[in-house]
């Protein structure tokens, strides 16, 4: 995986807001994700590169790019490992 990787949400994944929390339902499992993870997931549309997602996050948060890249990669790895997202180009680890 690198900044040019492209992923998208698994068609079977459902995201709900319950009691002010983001809940993801995927493959019979339930996960709670934070606002940043939700932002990332919302932008993994099968067209947008991780670099663009990182750029968008940089506009929202004051953090250095290297830290943000690491956080995005860890989040995407978690989402992929739990079949919440699928690979379009280079997201499969």
PDB file of N, CA and C in Angstrom:
ATOM      1  N   UNK A   1       0.845  -1.173   0.000  1.00  0.00           N
ATOM      2  CA  UNK A   1       0.000   0.000   0.000  1.00  0.00           C
ATOM      3  C   UNK A   1       0.890   1.236   0.000  1.00  0.00           C
ATOM      4  N   UNK A   2       0.454   2.234  -0.763  1.00  0.00           N
ATOM      5  CA  UNK A   2       1.160   3.509  -0.798  1.00  0.00           C
ATOM      6  C   UNK A   2       0.156   4.628  -1.048  1.00  0.00           C
ATOM      7  N   UNK A   3       0.633   5.847  -1.146  1.00  0.00           N
ATOM      8  CA  UNK A   3      -0.287   6.995  -1.269  1.00  0.00           C
ATOM      9  C   UNK A   3      -1.079   6.991  -2.565  1.00  0.00           C
ATOM     10  N   UNK A   4      -0.646   6.253  -3.580  1.00  0.00           N
ATOM     11  CA  UNK A   4      -1.405   6.207  -4.834  1.00  0.00           C
ATOM     12  C   UNK A   4      -2.455   5.095  -4.837  1.00  0.00           C
ATOM     13  N   UNK A   5      -2.510   4.298  -3.761  1.00  0.00           N
ATOM     14  CA  UNK A   5      -3.486   3.213  -3.660  1.00  0.00           C
ATOM     15  C   UNK A   5      -4.913   3.757  -3.669  1.00  0.00           C
ATOM     16  N   UNK A   6      -5.818   2.942  -4.215  1.00  0.00           N
ATOM     17  CA  UNK A   6      -7.236   3.304  -4.301  1.00  0.00           C
ATOM     18  C   UNK A   6      -8.061   2.137  -3.759  1.00  0.00           C
ATOM     19  N   UNK A   7      -8.997   2.423  -2.854  1.00  0.00           N
ATOM     20  CA  UNK A   7      -9.877   1.419  -2.264  1.00  0.00           C
ATOM     21  C   UNK A   7     -11.313   1.919  -2.328  1.00  0.00           C
ATOM     22  N   UNK A   8     -12.227   1.008  -2.021  1.00  0.00           N
ATOM     23  CA  UNK A   8     -13.623   1.425  -1.913  1.00  0.00           C
ATOM     24  C   UNK A   8     -14.321   0.584  -0.861  1.00  0.00           C
ATOM     25  N   UNK A   9     -15.435   1.111  -0.380  1.00  0.00           N
ATOM     26  CA  UNK A   9     -16.216   0.421   0.633  1.00  0.00           C
ATOM     27  C   UNK A   9     -16.797  -0.856   0.039  1.00  0.00           C
ATOM     28  N   UNK A  10     -16.734  -1.927   0.794  1.00  0.00           N
ATOM     29  CA  UNK A  10     -17.353  -3.189   0.416  1.00  0.00           C
ATOM     30  C   UNK A  10     -18.858  -2.951   0.311  1.00  0.00           C
ATOM     31  N   UNK A  11     -19.472  -3.435  -0.748  1.00  0.00           N
ATOM     32  CA  UNK A  11     -20.899  -3.209  -0.979  1.00  0.00           C
ATOM     33  C   UNK A  11     -21.760  -3.752   0.167  1.00  0.00           C
ATOM     34  N   UNK A  12     -21.252  -4.730   0.910  1.00  0.00           N
ATOM     35  CA  UNK A  12     -22.003  -5.314   2.018  1.00  0.00           C
ATOM     36  C   UNK A  12     -21.789  -4.581   3.343  1.00  0.00           C
ATOM     37  N   UNK A  13     -20.917  -3.591   3.363  1.00  0.00           N
ATOM     38  CA  UNK A  13     -20.638  -2.829   4.575  1.00  0.00           C
ATOM     39  C   UNK A  13     -21.732  -1.797   4.807  1.00  0.00           C
ATOM     40  N   UNK A  14     -22.164  -1.685   6.043  1.00  0.00           N
ATOM     41  CA  UNK A  14     -23.161  -0.693   6.433  1.00  0.00           C
ATOM     42  C   UNK A  14     -22.580   0.177   7.536  1.00  0.00           C
ATOM     43  N   UNK A  15     -22.842   1.469   7.446  1.00  0.00           N
ATOM     44  CA  UNK A  15     -22.385   2.417   8.465  1.00  0.00           C
ATOM     45  C   UNK A  15     -23.621   3.095   9.042  1.00  0.00           C
ATOM     46  N   UNK A  16     -23.705   3.120  10.340  1.00  0.00           N
ATOM     47  CA  UNK A  16     -24.830   3.753  11.020  1.00  0.00           C
ATOM     48  C   UNK A  16     -24.312   4.677  12.117  1.00  0.00           C
ATOM     49  N   UNK A  17     -25.083   5.690  12.395  1.00  0.00           N
ATOM     50  CA  UNK A  17     -24.778   6.570  13.528  1.00  0.00           C
ATOM     51  C   UNK A  17     -25.775   6.207  14.620  1.00  0.00           C
ATOM     52  N   UNK A  18     -25.248   5.695  15.720  1.00  0.00           N
ATOM     53  CA  UNK A  18     -26.072   5.257  16.834  1.00  0.00           C
ATOM     54  C   UNK A  18     -25.546   5.909  18.110  1.00  0.00           C
ATOM     55  N   UNK A  19     -26.409   6.674  18.764  1.00  0.00           N
ATOM     56  CA  UNK A  19     -26.032   7.351  20.017  1.00  0.00           C
ATOM     57  C   UNK A  19     -24.742   8.148  19.846  1.00  0.00           C
ATOM     58  N   UNK A  20     -24.673   8.930  18.766  1.00  0.00           N
ATOM     59  CA  UNK A  20     -23.509   9.772  18.461  1.00  0.00           C
ATOM     60  C   UNK A  20     -22.216   8.992  18.253  1.00  0.00           C
ATOM     61  N   UNK A  21     -22.335   7.746  17.812  1.00  0.00           N
ATOM     62  CA  UNK A  21     -21.167   6.918  17.512  1.00  0.00           C
ATOM     63  C   UNK A  21     -21.316   6.355  16.107  1.00  0.00           C
ATOM     64  N   UNK A  22     -20.187   6.192  15.428  1.00  0.00           N
ATOM     65  CA  UNK A  22     -20.179   5.587  14.093  1.00  0.00           C
ATOM     66  C   UNK A  22     -20.001   4.086  14.256  1.00  0.00           C
ATOM     67  N   UNK A  23     -20.987   3.344  13.793  1.00  0.00           N
ATOM     68  CA  UNK A  23     -20.962   1.889  13.914  1.00  0.00           C
ATOM     69  C   UNK A  23     -20.910   1.296  12.506  1.00  0.00           C
ATOM     70  N   UNK A  24     -19.957   0.406  12.294  1.00  0.00           N
ATOM     71  CA  UNK A  24     -19.777  -0.257  11.006  1.00  0.00           C
ATOM     72  C   UNK A  24     -20.181  -1.715  11.160  1.00  0.00           C
ATOM     73  N   UNK A  25     -21.016  -2.167  10.253  1.00  0.00           N
ATOM     74  CA  UNK A  25     -21.430  -3.569  10.214  1.00  0.00           C
ATOM     75  C   UNK A  25     -20.841  -4.195   8.961  1.00  0.00           C
ATOM     76  N   UNK A  26     -20.044  -5.249   9.152  1.00  0.00           N
ATOM     77  CA  UNK A  26     -19.396  -5.898   8.018  1.00  0.00           C
ATOM     78  C   UNK A  26     -19.180  -7.368   8.324  1.00  0.00           C
ATOM     79  N   UNK A  27     -19.629  -8.226   7.432  1.00  0.00           N
ATOM     80  CA  UNK A  27     -19.427  -9.676   7.564  1.00  0.00           C
ATOM     81  C   UNK A  27     -19.861 -10.216   8.921  1.00  0.00           C
ATOM     82  N   UNK A  28     -20.989  -9.762   9.401  1.00  0.00           N
ATOM     83  CA  UNK A  28     -21.502 -10.256  10.663  1.00  0.00           C
ATOM     84  C   UNK A  28     -20.798  -9.715  11.887  1.00  0.00           C
ATOM     85  N   UNK A  29     -19.895  -8.771  11.699  1.00  0.00           N
ATOM     86  CA  UNK A  29     -19.170  -8.164  12.813  1.00  0.00           C
ATOM     87  C   UNK A  29     -19.594  -6.703  12.941  1.00  0.00           C
ATOM     88  N   UNK A  30     -19.426  -6.185  14.140  1.00  0.00           N
ATOM     89  CA  UNK A  30     -19.775  -4.798  14.421  1.00  0.00           C
ATOM     90  C   UNK A  30     -18.546  -4.081  14.972  1.00  0.00           C
ATOM     91  N   UNK A  31     -18.248  -2.901  14.430  1.00  0.00           N
ATOM     92  CA  UNK A  31     -17.095  -2.117  14.855  1.00  0.00           C
ATOM     93  C   UNK A  31     -17.533  -0.684  15.132  1.00  0.00           C
ATOM     94  N   UNK A  32     -16.928  -0.075  16.129  1.00  0.00           N
ATOM     95  CA  UNK A  32     -17.120   1.356  16.349  1.00  0.00           C
ATOM     96  C   UNK A  32     -15.875   2.066  15.819  1.00  0.00           C
ATOM     97  N   UNK A  33     -16.083   3.111  15.015  1.00  0.00           N
ATOM     98  CA  UNK A  33     -14.954   3.860  14.478  1.00  0.00           C
ATOM     99  C   UNK A  33     -15.085   5.325  14.892  1.00  0.00           C
ATOM    100  N   UNK A  34     -13.946   6.014  14.910  1.00  0.00           N
ATOM    101  CA  UNK A  34     -13.951   7.426  15.292  1.00  0.00           C
ATOM    102  C   UNK A  34     -14.245   8.314  14.079  1.00  0.00           C
ATOM    103  N   UNK A  35     -14.309   9.617  14.317  1.00  0.00           N
ATOM    104  CA  UNK A  35     -14.647  10.562  13.254  1.00  0.00           C
ATOM    105  C   UNK A  35     -13.639  10.548  12.106  1.00  0.00           C
ATOM    106  N   UNK A  36     -12.352  10.407  12.427  1.00  0.00           N
ATOM    107  CA  UNK A  36     -11.327  10.399  11.382  1.00  0.00           C
ATOM    108  C   UNK A  36     -11.463   9.135  10.532  1.00  0.00           C
ATOM    109  N   UNK A  37     -11.680   8.003  11.164  1.00  0.00           N
ATOM    110  CA  UNK A  37     -11.877   6.760  10.408  1.00  0.00           C
ATOM    111  C   UNK A  37     -13.118   6.851   9.527  1.00  0.00           C
ATOM    112  N   UNK A  38     -14.165   7.468  10.027  1.00  0.00           N
ATOM    113  CA  UNK A  38     -15.389   7.663   9.239  1.00  0.00           C
ATOM    114  C   UNK A  38     -15.104   8.558   8.041  1.00  0.00           C
ATOM    115  N   UNK A  39     -14.338   9.625   8.245  1.00  0.00           N
ATOM    116  CA  UNK A  39     -13.949  10.531   7.164  1.00  0.00           C
ATOM    117  C   UNK A  39     -13.194   9.754   6.090  1.00  0.00           C
ATOM    118  N   UNK A  40     -12.231   8.945   6.523  1.00  0.00           N
ATOM    119  CA  UNK A  40     -11.447   8.143   5.580  1.00  0.00           C
ATOM    120  C   UNK A  40     -12.367   7.202   4.809  1.00  0.00           C
ATOM    121  N   UNK A  41     -13.205   6.480   5.520  1.00  0.00           N
ATOM    122  CA  UNK A  41     -14.112   5.525   4.892  1.00  0.00           C
ATOM    123  C   UNK A  41     -15.058   6.211   3.905  1.00  0.00           C
ATOM    124  N   UNK A  42     -15.536   7.381   4.257  1.00  0.00           N
ATOM    125  CA  UNK A  42     -16.432   8.135   3.363  1.00  0.00           C
ATOM    126  C   UNK A  42     -15.756   8.522   2.050  1.00  0.00           C
ATOM    127  N   UNK A  43     -14.434   8.681   2.083  1.00  0.00           N
ATOM    128  CA  UNK A  43     -13.708   9.121   0.886  1.00  0.00           C
ATOM    129  C   UNK A  43     -13.072   7.981   0.090  1.00  0.00           C
ATOM    130  N   UNK A  44     -13.198   6.766   0.580  1.00  0.00           N
ATOM    131  CA  UNK A  44     -12.702   5.610  -0.174  1.00  0.00           C
ATOM    132  C   UNK A  44     -13.804   5.162  -1.128  1.00  0.00           C
ATOM    133  N   UNK A  45     -13.843   5.813  -2.278  1.00  0.00           N
ATOM    134  CA  UNK A  45     -14.949   5.647  -3.229  1.00  0.00           C
ATOM    135  C   UNK A  45     -14.579   4.853  -4.473  1.00  0.00           C
ATOM    136  N   UNK A  46     -13.360   4.305  -4.498  1.00  0.00           N
ATOM    137  CA  UNK A  46     -12.923   3.560  -5.667  1.00  0.00           C
ATOM    138  C   UNK A  46     -12.288   4.428  -6.732  1.00  0.00           C
ATOM    139  N   UNK A  47     -12.232   5.727  -6.486  1.00  0.00           N
ATOM    140  CA  UNK A  47     -11.632   6.673  -7.437  1.00  0.00           C
ATOM    141  C   UNK A  47     -10.566   7.544  -6.783  1.00  0.00           C
ATOM    142  N   UNK A  48     -10.747   7.831  -5.507  1.00  0.00           N
ATOM    143  CA  UNK A  48      -9.882   8.760  -4.788  1.00  0.00           C
ATOM    144  C   UNK A  48      -8.678   8.033  -4.202  1.00  0.00           C
ATOM    145  N   UNK A  49      -7.494   8.534  -4.492  1.00  0.00           N
ATOM    146  CA  UNK A  49      -6.269   7.927  -3.960  1.00  0.00           C
ATOM    147  C   UNK A  49      -6.116   8.259  -2.477  1.00  0.00           C
ATOM    148  N   UNK A  50      -5.317   7.455  -1.795  1.00  0.00           N
ATOM    149  CA  UNK A  50      -5.032   7.744  -0.392  1.00  0.00           C
ATOM    150  C   UNK A  50      -4.339   9.088  -0.250  1.00  0.00           C
ATOM    151  N   UNK A  51      -3.543   9.483  -1.227  1.00  0.00           N
ATOM    152  CA  UNK A  51      -2.888  10.788  -1.196  1.00  0.00           C
ATOM    153  C   UNK A  51      -3.915  11.909  -1.129  1.00  0.00           C
ATOM    154  N   UNK A  52      -4.981  11.803  -1.916  1.00  0.00           N
ATOM    155  CA  UNK A  52      -6.036  12.821  -1.908  1.00  0.00           C
ATOM    156  C   UNK A  52      -6.776  12.814  -0.570  1.00  0.00           C
ATOM    157  N   UNK A  53      -7.041  11.635  -0.029  1.00  0.00           N
ATOM    158  CA  UNK A  53      -7.688  11.539   1.286  1.00  0.00           C
ATOM    159  C   UNK A  53      -6.818  12.211   2.339  1.00  0.00           C
ATOM    160  N   UNK A  54      -5.520  11.975   2.270  1.00  0.00           N
ATOM    161  CA  UNK A  54      -4.579  12.603   3.204  1.00  0.00           C
ATOM    162  C   UNK A  54      -4.601  14.117   3.026  1.00  0.00           C
ATOM    163  N   UNK A  55      -4.619  14.586   1.782  1.00  0.00           N
ATOM    164  CA  UNK A  55      -4.700  16.036   1.525  1.00  0.00           C
ATOM    165  C   UNK A  55      -5.950  16.637   2.158  1.00  0.00           C
ATOM    166  N   UNK A  56      -7.079  15.947   2.008  1.00  0.00           N
ATOM    167  CA  UNK A  56      -8.337  16.437   2.580  1.00  0.00           C
ATOM    168  C   UNK A  56      -8.270  16.467   4.107  1.00  0.00           C
ATOM    169  N   UNK A  57      -7.668  15.448   4.695  1.00  0.00           N
ATOM    170  CA  UNK A  57      -7.509  15.429   6.148  1.00  0.00           C
ATOM    171  C   UNK A  57      -6.575  16.543   6.623  1.00  0.00           C
ATOM    172  N   UNK A  58      -5.543  16.832   5.843  1.00  0.00           N
ATOM    173  CA  UNK A  58      -4.606  17.912   6.183  1.00  0.00           C
ATOM    174  C   UNK A  58      -5.329  19.254   6.263  1.00  0.00           C
ATOM    175  N   UNK A  59      -6.375  19.422   5.456  1.00  0.00           N
ATOM    176  CA  UNK A  59      -7.161  20.661   5.489  1.00  0.00           C
ATOM    177  C   UNK A  59      -8.000  20.755   6.764  1.00  0.00           C
ATOM    178  N   UNK A  60      -8.324  19.615   7.360  1.00  0.00           N
ATOM    179  CA  UNK A  60      -9.189  19.568   8.540  1.00  0.00           C
ATOM    180  C   UNK A  60      -8.423  19.566   9.864  1.00  0.00           C
ATOM    181  N   UNK A  61      -7.223  18.968   9.871  1.00  0.00           N
ATOM    182  CA  UNK A  61      -6.487  18.775  11.113  1.00  0.00           C
ATOM    183  C   UNK A  61      -5.074  19.331  11.006  1.00  0.00           C
ATOM    184  N   UNK A  62      -4.571  19.842  12.113  1.00  0.00           N
ATOM    185  CA  UNK A  62      -3.203  20.342  12.168  1.00  0.00           C
ATOM    186  C   UNK A  62      -2.290  19.223  12.655  1.00  0.00           C
ATOM    187  N   UNK A  63      -1.703  18.523  11.690  1.00  0.00           N
ATOM    188  CA  UNK A  63      -0.804  17.412  12.003  1.00  0.00           C
ATOM    189  C   UNK A  63       0.189  17.293  10.847  1.00  0.00           C
ATOM    190  N   UNK A  64       1.391  16.812  11.136  1.00  0.00           N
ATOM    191  CA  UNK A  64       2.366  16.689  10.053  1.00  0.00           C
ATOM    192  C   UNK A  64       1.970  15.540   9.129  1.00  0.00           C
ATOM    193  N   UNK A  65       2.349  15.665   7.882  1.00  0.00           N
ATOM    194  CA  UNK A  65       1.917  14.715   6.857  1.00  0.00           C
ATOM    195  C   UNK A  65       2.394  13.293   7.146  1.00  0.00           C
ATOM    196  N   UNK A  66       3.601  13.130   7.634  1.00  0.00           N
ATOM    197  CA  UNK A  66       4.131  11.792   7.914  1.00  0.00           C
ATOM    198  C   UNK A  66       3.293  11.058   8.952  1.00  0.00           C
ATOM    199  N   UNK A  67       2.922  11.749  10.010  1.00  0.00           N
ATOM    200  CA  UNK A  67       2.072  11.155  11.045  1.00  0.00           C
ATOM    201  C   UNK A  67       0.717  10.789  10.465  1.00  0.00           C
ATOM    202  N   UNK A  68       0.163  11.694   9.680  1.00  0.00           N
ATOM    203  CA  UNK A  68      -1.144  11.458   9.079  1.00  0.00           C
ATOM    204  C   UNK A  68      -1.110  10.271   8.116  1.00  0.00           C
ATOM    205  N   UNK A  69      -0.064  10.185   7.290  1.00  0.00           N
ATOM    206  CA  UNK A  69       0.068   9.043   6.375  1.00  0.00           C
ATOM    207  C   UNK A  69       0.083   7.733   7.151  1.00  0.00           C
ATOM    208  N   UNK A  70       0.869   7.677   8.227  1.00  0.00           N
ATOM    209  CA  UNK A  70       0.932   6.456   9.040  1.00  0.00           C
ATOM    210  C   UNK A  70      -0.434   6.104   9.610  1.00  0.00           C
ATOM    211  N   UNK A  71      -1.151   7.114  10.113  1.00  0.00           N
ATOM    212  CA  UNK A  71      -2.483   6.877  10.683  1.00  0.00           C
ATOM    213  C   UNK A  71      -3.463   6.396   9.615  1.00  0.00           C
ATOM    214  N   UNK A  72      -3.417   6.994   8.439  1.00  0.00           N
ATOM    215  CA  UNK A  72      -4.304   6.587   7.346  1.00  0.00           C
ATOM    216  C   UNK A  72      -3.973   5.157   6.920  1.00  0.00           C
ATOM    217  N   UNK A  73      -2.704   4.833   6.762  1.00  0.00           N
ATOM    218  CA  UNK A  73      -2.327   3.476   6.363  1.00  0.00           C
ATOM    219  C   UNK A  73      -2.795   2.450   7.392  1.00  0.00           C
ATOM    220  N   UNK A  74      -2.620   2.743   8.697  1.00  0.00           N
ATOM    221  CA  UNK A  74      -3.063   1.810   9.733  1.00  0.00           C
ATOM    222  C   UNK A  74      -4.579   1.633   9.695  1.00  0.00           C
ATOM    223  N   UNK A  75      -5.298   2.731   9.481  1.00  0.00           N
ATOM    224  CA  UNK A  75      -6.758   2.660   9.401  1.00  0.00           C
ATOM    225  C   UNK A  75      -7.193   1.838   8.197  1.00  0.00           C
ATOM    226  N   UNK A  76      -6.583   2.094   7.045  1.00  0.00           N
ATOM    227  CA  UNK A  76      -6.936   1.362   5.826  1.00  0.00           C
ATOM    228  C   UNK A  76      -6.599  -0.118   5.978  1.00  0.00           C
ATOM    229  N   UNK A  77      -5.483  -0.431   6.605  1.00  0.00           N
ATOM    230  CA  UNK A  77      -5.132  -1.837   6.845  1.00  0.00           C
ATOM    231  C   UNK A  77      -6.188  -2.516   7.717  1.00  0.00           C
ATOM    232  N   UNK A  78      -6.654  -1.831   8.763  1.00  0.00           N
ATOM    233  CA  UNK A  78      -7.708  -2.376   9.622  1.00  0.00           C
ATOM    234  C   UNK A  78      -8.998  -2.579   8.834  1.00  0.00           C
ATOM    235  N   UNK A  79      -9.393  -1.562   8.068  1.00  0.00           N
ATOM    236  CA  UNK A  79     -10.622  -1.646   7.282  1.00  0.00           C
ATOM    237  C   UNK A  79     -10.546  -2.794   6.273  1.00  0.00           C
ATOM    238  N   UNK A  80      -9.401  -2.950   5.640  1.00  0.00           N
ATOM    239  CA  UNK A  80      -9.210  -4.017   4.647  1.00  0.00           C
ATOM    240  C   UNK A  80      -9.202  -5.385   5.314  1.00  0.00           C
ATOM    241  N   UNK A  81      -8.504  -5.514   6.429  1.00  0.00           N
ATOM    242  CA  UNK A  81      -8.398  -6.800   7.129  1.00  0.00           C
ATOM    243  C   UNK A  81      -9.755  -7.300   7.606  1.00  0.00           C
ATOM    244  N   UNK A  82     -10.681  -6.373   7.838  1.00  0.00           N
ATOM    245  CA  UNK A  82     -12.012  -6.738   8.316  1.00  0.00           C
ATOM    246  C   UNK A  82     -13.067  -6.678   7.219  1.00  0.00           C
ATOM    247  N   UNK A  83     -12.613  -6.662   5.963  1.00  0.00           N
ATOM    248  CA  UNK A  83     -13.499  -6.674   4.788  1.00  0.00           C
ATOM    249  C   UNK A  83     -14.491  -5.519   4.762  1.00  0.00           C
ATOM    250  N   UNK A  84     -14.136  -4.419   5.403  1.00  0.00           N
ATOM    251  CA  UNK A  84     -14.969  -3.217   5.383  1.00  0.00           C
ATOM    252  C   UNK A  84     -14.759  -2.483   4.065  1.00  0.00           C
ATOM    253  N   UNK A  85     -13.541  -2.581   3.543  1.00  0.00           N
ATOM    254  CA  UNK A  85     -13.213  -2.017   2.234  1.00  0.00           C
ATOM    255  C   UNK A  85     -12.599  -3.114   1.376  1.00  0.00           C
ATOM    256  N   UNK A  86     -12.594  -2.863   0.082  1.00  0.00           N
ATOM    257  CA  UNK A  86     -11.950  -3.783  -0.856  1.00  0.00           C
ATOM    258  C   UNK A  86     -10.946  -3.020  -1.698  1.00  0.00           C
ATOM    259  N   UNK A  87     -10.026  -3.764  -2.243  1.00  0.00           N
ATOM    260  CA  UNK A  87      -8.948  -3.205  -3.058  1.00  0.00           C
ATOM    261  C   UNK A  87      -9.450  -2.836  -4.450  1.00  0.00           C
ATOM    262  N   UNK A  88      -9.071  -1.663  -4.902  1.00  0.00           N
ATOM    263  CA  UNK A  88      -9.275  -1.300  -6.299  1.00  0.00           C
ATOM    264  C   UNK A  88      -7.908  -1.283  -6.978  1.00  0.00           C
ATOM    265  N   UNK A  89      -6.965  -0.628  -6.319  1.00  0.00           N
ATOM    266  CA  UNK A  89      -5.597  -0.569  -6.861  1.00  0.00           C
ATOM    267  C   UNK A  89      -4.599  -0.365  -5.731  1.00  0.00           C
ATOM    268  N   UNK A  90      -3.971  -1.432  -5.289  1.00  0.00           N
ATOM    269  CA  UNK A  90      -2.856  -1.336  -4.352  1.00  0.00           C
ATOM    270  C   UNK A  90      -3.185  -1.193  -2.882  1.00  0.00           C
ATOM    271  N   UNK A  91      -4.402  -1.445  -2.454  1.00  0.00           N
ATOM    272  CA  UNK A  91      -4.763  -1.296  -1.032  1.00  0.00           C
ATOM    273  C   UNK A  91      -4.660  -2.584  -0.248  1.00  0.00           C
ATOM    274  N   UNK A  92      -4.290  -3.653  -0.875  1.00  0.00           N
ATOM    275  CA  UNK A  92      -4.331  -4.943  -0.183  1.00  0.00           C
ATOM    276  C   UNK A  92      -3.085  -5.250   0.618  1.00  0.00           C
ATOM    277  N   UNK A  93      -2.469  -4.238   1.178  1.00  0.00           N
ATOM    278  CA  UNK A  93      -1.344  -4.472   2.076  1.00  0.00           C
ATOM    279  C   UNK A  93      -0.070  -4.288   1.385  1.00  0.00           C
TER     280      UNK A  93
END
